[in-house]
Amino acid sequence: MCDRVKQFREEREKLNDIILSKENVNIKRFFGIDSAVYRPGALDEKTKELLGLVGSLVLRCDDCISYHCIRAKELNTTDQEFEEVMSIGMVVGGSITIPHLRRAFRLWEEMK
């Protein structure tokens, strides 16, 4: 596991623990829904992660992009699949996604 992935996971887990330690039922429900929609169903888990990656690129959320890149790699996404997914996100999101695309490709390369 590369240092960037390790650091990302540690920070994400720490911050999620802070949020989920609160007694806010709506936040906890949202987190639960977020986890549930990525479980296998009519679509397999890998397809759902790749859809999440496209959405995250379009919305330009670097944390979300990193999360879905990591999960996609864990689910054995090939370089060719990753590149196609990123090209879809860029076409949908436009040129403003290019800085996020750069960082996603950097992370992808570091995870090899």
Protein backbone atom coordinates (compact mmCIF):
# COMPACT_ATOMS: atom_id res chain seq x y z
CA MET A 1 0.00 0.00 0.00
CA CYS A 2 1.46 3.37 -0.96
CA ASP A 3 1.94 6.11 1.62
CA ARG A 4 -0.75 8.33 0.07
CA VAL A 5 -3.35 5.53 0.40
CA LYS A 6 -2.31 4.76 3.96
CA GLN A 7 -2.49 8.43 4.97
CA PHE A 8 -5.84 8.88 3.22
CA ARG A 9 -7.36 5.86 4.95
CA GLU A 10 -6.08 6.82 8.39
CA GLU A 11 -7.38 10.37 8.14
CA ARG A 12 -10.73 9.26 6.70
CA GLU A 13 -11.23 6.67 9.45
CA LYS A 14 -10.30 9.17 12.19
CA LEU A 15 -12.67 11.82 10.86
CA ASN A 16 -15.49 9.32 10.31
CA ASP A 17 -15.07 8.13 13.90
CA ILE A 18 -15.50 11.72 15.11
CA ILE A 19 -18.63 12.23 13.02
CA LEU A 20 -20.19 8.88 13.90
CA SER A 21 -19.50 9.35 17.62
CA LYS A 22 -22.19 12.03 17.63
CA GLU A 23 -25.79 11.14 18.29
CA ASN A 24 -27.13 12.58 15.03
CA VAL A 25 -29.44 9.97 13.59
CA ASN A 26 -29.72 11.68 10.19
CA ILE A 27 -25.96 11.70 9.65
CA LYS A 28 -25.76 8.05 10.69
CA ARG A 29 -28.59 7.14 8.32
CA PHE A 30 -26.89 8.91 5.44
CA PHE A 31 -23.62 7.08 6.13
CA GLY A 32 -25.60 3.82 6.21
CA ILE A 33 -27.22 4.54 2.85
CA ASP A 34 -23.84 5.47 1.39
CA SER A 35 -22.45 2.09 2.43
CA ALA A 36 -25.51 0.16 1.30
CA VAL A 37 -25.68 1.46 -2.26
CA TYR A 38 -22.21 0.13 -3.09
CA ARG A 39 -23.03 -3.44 -2.06
CA PRO A 40 -23.56 -5.91 -4.91
CA GLY A 41 -27.08 -6.00 -6.29
CA ALA A 42 -28.31 -5.78 -9.88
CA LEU A 43 -24.90 -4.17 -10.52
CA ASP A 44 -21.72 -5.72 -9.21
CA GLU A 45 -19.57 -3.92 -6.65
CA LYS A 46 -16.86 -2.94 -9.15
CA THR A 47 -19.36 -1.33 -11.53
CA LYS A 48 -20.84 0.65 -8.66
CA GLU A 49 -17.41 1.90 -7.57
CA LEU A 50 -16.64 2.98 -11.13
CA LEU A 51 -19.95 4.83 -11.29
CA GLY A 52 -19.04 6.49 -7.99
CA LEU A 53 -15.69 7.47 -9.50
CA VAL A 54 -17.35 9.12 -12.51
CA GLY A 55 -19.77 11.00 -10.26
CA SER A 56 -16.96 12.12 -7.99
CA LEU A 57 -14.89 13.38 -10.91
CA VAL A 58 -17.85 15.32 -12.30
CA LEU A 59 -18.50 16.85 -8.86
CA ARG A 60 -14.76 17.51 -8.44
CA CYS A 61 -14.46 15.97 -4.98
CA ASP A 62 -10.83 14.92 -4.53
CA ASP A 63 -11.53 12.92 -1.36
CA CYS A 64 -14.29 11.00 -3.13
CA ILE A 65 -12.15 10.49 -6.22
CA SER A 66 -9.35 9.09 -4.05
CA TYR A 67 -11.73 6.80 -2.18
CA HIS A 68 -13.24 5.37 -5.37
CA CYS A 69 -9.82 5.03 -7.04
CA ILE A 70 -8.59 3.01 -4.06
CA ARG A 71 -11.71 0.83 -4.04
CA ALA A 72 -11.54 0.36 -7.83
CA LYS A 73 -7.94 -0.81 -7.52
CA GLU A 74 -8.90 -3.21 -4.71
CA LEU A 75 -11.62 -4.60 -6.99
CA ASN A 76 -9.06 -5.36 -9.71
CA THR A 77 -9.98 -2.59 -12.11
CA THR A 78 -7.61 -2.67 -15.06
CA ASP A 79 -5.72 0.36 -16.33
CA GLN A 80 -7.86 0.31 -19.47
CA GLU A 81 -11.10 0.27 -17.43
CA PHE A 82 -9.83 3.11 -15.26
CA GLU A 83 -8.88 5.18 -18.28
CA GLU A 84 -12.28 4.67 -19.93
CA VAL A 85 -14.10 5.61 -16.74
CA MET A 86 -12.00 8.73 -16.34
CA SER A 87 -12.63 9.74 -19.96
CA ILE A 88 -16.39 9.44 -19.38
CA GLY A 89 -16.13 11.62 -16.27
CA MET A 90 -14.09 14.22 -18.14
CA VAL A 91 -16.56 14.34 -21.04
CA VAL A 92 -19.51 14.71 -18.68
CA GLY A 93 -17.75 17.18 -16.37
CA GLY A 94 -15.81 19.17 -18.92
CA SER A 95 -12.33 20.66 -18.87
CA ILE A 96 -12.76 21.88 -15.29
CA THR A 97 -12.25 18.26 -14.19
CA ILE A 98 -8.72 18.09 -15.65
CA PRO A 99 -6.88 19.05 -12.40
CA HIS A 100 -8.83 16.31 -10.59
CA LEU A 101 -8.12 13.89 -13.42
CA ARG A 102 -4.41 14.59 -13.00
CA ARG A 103 -4.50 13.82 -9.29
CA ALA A 104 -6.55 10.65 -9.88
CA PHE A 105 -4.01 9.39 -12.42
CA ARG A 106 -1.16 10.21 -10.03
CA LEU A 107 -2.80 8.15 -7.29
CA TRP A 108 -3.57 5.32 -9.72
CA GLU A 109 0.06 5.19 -10.79
CA GLU A 110 1.27 5.25 -7.18
CA MET A 111 -0.94 2.27 -6.34
CA LYS A 112 0.77 0.07 -8.96
